[in-house]
C-alpha atoms as a PDB file:
ATOM      1  CA  MET A   1     100.831 181.749 -36.542  1.00  0.00           C
ATOM      2  CA  VAL A   2     104.116 180.173 -37.559  1.00  0.00           C
ATOM      3  CA  GLN A   3     107.176 182.390 -37.424  1.00  0.00           C
ATOM      4  CA  ASP A   4     109.992 182.127 -39.926  1.00  0.00           C
ATOM      5  CA  CYS A   5     110.611 178.377 -40.189  1.00  0.00           C
ATOM      6  CA  ALA A   6     114.384 178.804 -39.900  1.00  0.00           C
ATOM      7  CA  ALA A   7     113.966 180.390 -36.456  1.00  0.00           C
ATOM      8  CA  CYS A   8     113.153 176.927 -35.098  1.00  0.00           C
ATOM      9  CA  HIS A   9     114.324 174.587 -37.848  1.00  0.00           C
ATOM     10  CA  ALA A  10     117.815 176.083 -38.062  1.00  0.00           C
ATOM     11  CA  THR A  11     119.443 173.090 -39.745  1.00  0.00           C
ATOM     12  CA  ALA A  12     116.947 172.710 -42.613  1.00  0.00           C
ATOM     13  CA  ALA A  13     118.565 175.305 -44.891  1.00  0.00           C
ATOM     14  CA  THR A  14     121.851 173.365 -44.929  1.00  0.00           C
ATOM     15  CA  SER A  15     120.415 169.848 -44.705  1.00  0.00           C
ATOM     16  CA  THR A  16     121.427 167.638 -47.635  1.00  0.00           C
ATOM     17  CA  ARG A  17     120.411 164.176 -46.384  1.00  0.00           C
ATOM     18  CA  ALA A  18     117.004 162.618 -45.753  1.00  0.00           C
ATOM     19  CA  GLU A  19     118.151 161.255 -42.400  1.00  0.00           C
ATOM     20  CA  ASP A  20     119.142 164.697 -41.051  1.00  0.00           C
ATOM     21  CA  ASN A  21     117.242 165.691 -37.929  1.00  0.00           C
ATOM     22  CA  ASN A  22     115.771 169.103 -38.723  1.00  0.00           C
ATOM     23  CA  LEU A  23     113.494 169.278 -35.709  1.00  0.00           C
ATOM     24  CA  PRO A  24     114.029 172.270 -33.437  1.00  0.00           C
ATOM     25  CA  ARG A  25     116.147 171.932 -30.329  1.00  0.00           C
ATOM     26  CA  ALA A  26     114.158 172.183 -27.082  1.00  0.00           C
ATOM     27  CA  ASP A  27     115.848 175.483 -26.119  1.00  0.00           C
ATOM     28  CA  ALA A  28     114.596 177.057 -29.354  1.00  0.00           C
ATOM     29  CA  CYS A  29     111.018 176.207 -28.350  1.00  0.00           C
ATOM     30  CA  LYS A  30     111.266 177.413 -24.755  1.00  0.00           C
ATOM     31  CA  SER A  31     111.293 181.059 -25.786  1.00  0.00           C
ATOM     32  CA  CYS A  32     107.608 180.685 -26.755  1.00  0.00           C
ATOM     33  CA  HIS A  33     106.444 177.503 -24.999  1.00  0.00           C
ATOM     34  CA  GLU A  34     106.557 176.566 -21.299  1.00  0.00           C
ATOM     35  CA  LYS A  35     106.348 172.815 -21.706  1.00  0.00           C
ATOM     36  CA  VAL A  36     108.457 171.331 -24.491  1.00  0.00           C
ATOM     37  CA  THR A  37     108.654 167.715 -25.606  1.00  0.00           C
ATOM     38  CA  ILE A  38     110.702 167.013 -28.711  1.00  0.00           C
ATOM     39  CA  LYS A  39     110.435 163.482 -30.037  1.00  0.00           C
ATOM     40  CA  ASP A  40     112.835 161.796 -32.425  1.00  0.00           C
ATOM     41  CA  PRO A  41     112.046 162.519 -36.076  1.00  0.00           C
ATOM     42  CA  ARG A  42     109.479 160.297 -37.714  1.00  0.00           C
ATOM     43  CA  ARG A  43     111.043 157.751 -40.044  1.00  0.00           C
ATOM     44  CA  THR A  44     110.077 158.193 -43.657  1.00  0.00           C
ATOM     45  CA  LEU A  45     110.300 155.950 -46.687  1.00  0.00           C
ATOM     46  CA  VAL A  46     112.488 158.538 -48.406  1.00  0.00           C
ATOM     47  CA  ILE A  47     116.231 157.876 -48.312  1.00  0.00           C
ATOM     48  CA  GLN A  48     117.408 160.621 -50.677  1.00  0.00           C
ATOM     49  CA  PHE A  49     116.387 164.231 -50.070  1.00  0.00           C
ATOM     50  CA  SER A  50     118.103 167.617 -49.769  1.00  0.00           C
ATOM     51  CA  HIS A  51     116.253 170.463 -48.060  1.00  0.00           C
ATOM     52  CA  GLN A  52     119.109 172.756 -49.115  1.00  0.00           C
ATOM     53  CA  PHE A  53     118.589 171.971 -52.811  1.00  0.00           C
ATOM     54  CA  HIS A  54     114.795 172.254 -52.666  1.00  0.00           C
ATOM     55  CA  LEU A  55     114.871 175.532 -50.723  1.00  0.00           C
ATOM     56  CA  LYS A  56     117.059 177.042 -53.449  1.00  0.00           C
ATOM     57  CA  LEU A  57     114.477 175.982 -56.051  1.00  0.00           C
ATOM     58  CA  THR A  58     111.389 177.201 -54.202  1.00  0.00           C
ATOM     59  CA  GLY A  59     112.746 180.638 -53.356  1.00  0.00           C
ATOM     60  CA  LYS A  60     110.401 182.787 -51.270  1.00  0.00           C
ATOM     61  CA  ALA A  61     107.734 180.070 -51.221  1.00  0.00           C
ATOM     62  CA  GLY A  62     110.238 178.044 -49.205  1.00  0.00           C
ATOM     63  CA  CYS A  63     108.947 175.520 -46.706  1.00  0.00           C
ATOM     64  CA  ALA A  64     105.264 176.133 -47.444  1.00  0.00           C
ATOM     65  CA  PHE A  65     105.815 175.052 -51.056  1.00  0.00           C
ATOM     66  CA  CYS A  66     106.008 171.429 -49.874  1.00  0.00           C
ATOM     67  CA  HIS A  67     104.638 171.645 -46.324  1.00  0.00           C
ATOM     68  CA  LYS A  68     101.233 173.024 -47.297  1.00  0.00           C
ATOM     69  CA  GLY A  69      99.161 174.410 -44.445  1.00  0.00           C
ATOM     70  CA  VAL A  70     102.139 174.936 -42.160  1.00  0.00           C
ATOM     71  CA  GLU A  71     101.302 178.648 -41.798  1.00  0.00           C
ATOM     72  CA  GLN A  72      97.942 177.809 -40.201  1.00  0.00           C
ATOM     73  CA  SER A  73      99.176 174.814 -38.222  1.00  0.00           C
ATOM     74  CA  VAL A  74      99.223 174.830 -34.442  1.00  0.00           C
ATOM     75  CA  ALA A  75     100.889 171.424 -34.101  1.00  0.00           C
ATOM     76  CA  ALA A  76     103.485 169.482 -35.996  1.00  0.00           C
ATOM     77  CA  GLY A  77     102.607 166.102 -37.419  1.00  0.00           C
ATOM     78  CA  LYS A  78     102.369 163.748 -40.342  1.00  0.00           C
ATOM     79  CA  ALA A  79      99.716 165.915 -42.024  1.00  0.00           C
ATOM     80  CA  LEU A  80     102.399 168.511 -42.789  1.00  0.00           C
ATOM     81  CA  TYR A  81     104.609 166.051 -44.679  1.00  0.00           C
ATOM     82  CA  PRO A  82     104.216 166.462 -48.423  1.00  0.00           C
ATOM     83  CA  PRO A  83     102.352 163.630 -50.160  1.00  0.00           C
ATOM     84  CA  MET A  84     104.206 161.870 -52.938  1.00  0.00           C
ATOM     85  CA  THR A  85     101.805 163.334 -55.504  1.00  0.00           C
ATOM     86  CA  ASP A  86     103.248 166.774 -54.656  1.00  0.00           C
ATOM     87  CA  CYS A  87     106.774 165.492 -55.352  1.00  0.00           C
ATOM     88  CA  LEU A  88     105.602 164.203 -58.716  1.00  0.00           C
ATOM     89  CA  VAL A  89     104.724 167.719 -59.875  1.00  0.00           C
ATOM     90  CA  CYS A  90     108.440 168.244 -60.534  1.00  0.00           C
ATOM     91  CA  HIS A  91     109.773 164.690 -60.354  1.00  0.00           C
ATOM     92  CA  ASN A  92     107.534 163.321 -63.074  1.00  0.00           C
ATOM     93  CA  ARG A  93     109.789 160.869 -64.910  1.00  0.00           C
ATOM     94  CA  ILE A  94     108.427 157.545 -63.716  1.00  0.00           C
ATOM     95  CA  ASP A  95     109.755 154.229 -64.918  1.00  0.00           C
ATOM     96  CA  ASN A  96     108.061 151.874 -62.473  1.00  0.00           C
ATOM     97  CA  PRO A  97     109.495 150.058 -60.606  1.00  0.00           C
ATOM     98  CA  PHE A  98     112.995 151.311 -61.423  1.00  0.00           C
ATOM     99  CA  SER A  99     112.615 155.014 -60.656  1.00  0.00           C
ATOM    100  CA  CYS A 100     111.298 154.347 -57.141  1.00  0.00           C
ATOM    101  CA  GLU A 101     114.842 153.741 -55.893  1.00  0.00           C
ATOM    102  CA  THR A 102     115.834 157.273 -56.870  1.00  0.00           C
ATOM    103  CA  CYS A 103     114.283 158.438 -53.584  1.00  0.00           C
ATOM    104  CA  HIS A 104     113.186 155.274 -51.772  1.00  0.00           C
ATOM    105  CA  SER A 105     115.079 152.336 -50.320  1.00  0.00           C
ATOM    106  CA  PRO A 106     114.971 149.175 -52.437  1.00  0.00           C
ATOM    107  CA  LYS A 107     113.739 147.479 -49.237  1.00  0.00           C
ATOM    108  CA  ALA A 108     110.807 149.890 -48.785  1.00  0.00           C
ATOM    109  CA  ASN A 109     107.434 148.270 -49.218  1.00  0.00           C
ATOM    110  CA  LEU A 110     105.721 150.857 -51.389  1.00  0.00           C
ATOM    111  CA  LYS A 111     103.067 148.534 -52.758  1.00  0.00           C
ATOM    112  CA  PRO A 112      99.558 149.674 -51.744  1.00  0.00           C
ATOM    113  CA  ALA A 113      97.451 147.393 -49.532  1.00  0.00           C
ATOM    114  CA  SER A 114      95.109 146.834 -52.487  1.00  0.00           C
ATOM    115  CA  HIS A 115      97.900 145.124 -54.457  1.00  0.00           C
ATOM    116  CA  THR A 116      97.554 141.681 -52.904  1.00  0.00           C
ATOM    117  CA  ASP A 117      98.860 138.499 -54.534  1.00  0.00           C
ATOM    118  CA  ASP A 118      95.595 138.159 -56.462  1.00  0.00           C
ATOM    119  CA  TRP A 119      95.614 141.812 -57.595  1.00  0.00           C
ATOM    120  CA  ILE A 120      96.081 141.093 -61.296  1.00  0.00           C
ATOM    121  CA  ASP A 121      93.075 138.753 -61.346  1.00  0.00           C
ATOM    122  CA  ARG A 122      90.935 140.779 -58.940  1.00  0.00           C
ATOM    123  CA  HIS A 123      91.328 144.217 -60.544  1.00  0.00           C
ATOM    124  CA  ASN A 124      90.283 142.809 -63.901  1.00  0.00           C
ATOM    125  CA  ARG A 125      86.783 141.833 -62.735  1.00  0.00           C
ATOM    126  CA  LYS A 126      83.871 143.968 -63.839  1.00  0.00           C
ATOM    127  CA  SER A 127      82.726 144.304 -60.229  1.00  0.00           C
ATOM    128  CA  THR A 128      85.990 146.038 -59.304  1.00  0.00           C
ATOM    129  CA  VAL A 129      85.863 149.818 -59.546  1.00  0.00           C
ATOM    130  CA  LEU A 130      89.284 151.217 -60.381  1.00  0.00           C
ATOM    131  CA  ASP A 131      90.271 154.739 -59.471  1.00  0.00           C
ATOM    132  CA  LYS A 132      92.784 155.178 -62.264  1.00  0.00           C
ATOM    133  CA  PRO A 133      94.103 158.564 -60.978  1.00  0.00           C
ATOM    134  CA  SER A 134      95.239 156.759 -57.838  1.00  0.00           C
ATOM    135  CA  CYS A 135      97.587 154.700 -60.078  1.00  0.00           C
ATOM    136  CA  VAL A 136      99.469 157.829 -61.207  1.00  0.00           C
ATOM    137  CA  PRO A 137     101.823 158.305 -58.200  1.00  0.00           C
ATOM    138  CA  CYS A 138     103.489 154.952 -58.873  1.00  0.00           C
ATOM    139  CA  HIS A 139     102.784 154.298 -62.522  1.00  0.00           C
ATOM    140  CA  GLY A 140     102.992 157.833 -63.956  1.00  0.00           C
ATOM    141  CA  LYS A 141     100.626 160.105 -65.853  1.00  0.00           C
ATOM    142  CA  SER A 142     101.151 158.236 -69.109  1.00  0.00           C
ATOM    143  CA  PHE A 143     100.145 154.939 -67.470  1.00  0.00           C
ATOM    144  CA  ARG A 144      97.954 152.857 -69.748  1.00  0.00           C
ATOM    145  CA  CYS A 145      96.296 149.583 -68.832  1.00  0.00           C
ATOM    146  CA  LEU A 146      97.667 148.169 -72.065  1.00  0.00           C
ATOM    147  CA  GLY A 147     101.139 148.582 -70.591  1.00  0.00           C
ATOM    148  CA  CYS A 148     100.471 145.290 -68.797  1.00  0.00           C
ATOM    149  CA  HIS A 149      97.513 143.996 -70.824  1.00  0.00           C
ATOM    150  CA  VAL A 150      99.055 143.500 -74.236  1.00  0.00           C
END
């Protein structure tokens, strides 16, 4: 069972930058764990993020509001990072591709693997099955095919 997150992630409550290292220090882990290996933080595609701001908004729900399943977790990892669809619950003003740079680097390659150079031609074929809800994280809930197909 996870203790209070701040007991190990002491810097998260005051962290205002995406590049802040909020991983616990090794000495914080040694009180419960014999063998401790702390790696460098995983790089993310997000360049703008404030834990301090989001913790004020989420109140008592705190870390688990975004890091779902952390209470039952026995190991840290990518699975505990919030998916972008969770961010879009609150951050739902999407003006693709211009709003991407609100949180992501202009150099980030956010285009899905399915969006190859022939995507426009390929996705239009009757044999192609489109999962329109998967378009929402980038194109928004009000996305309509006619936005491109006028």
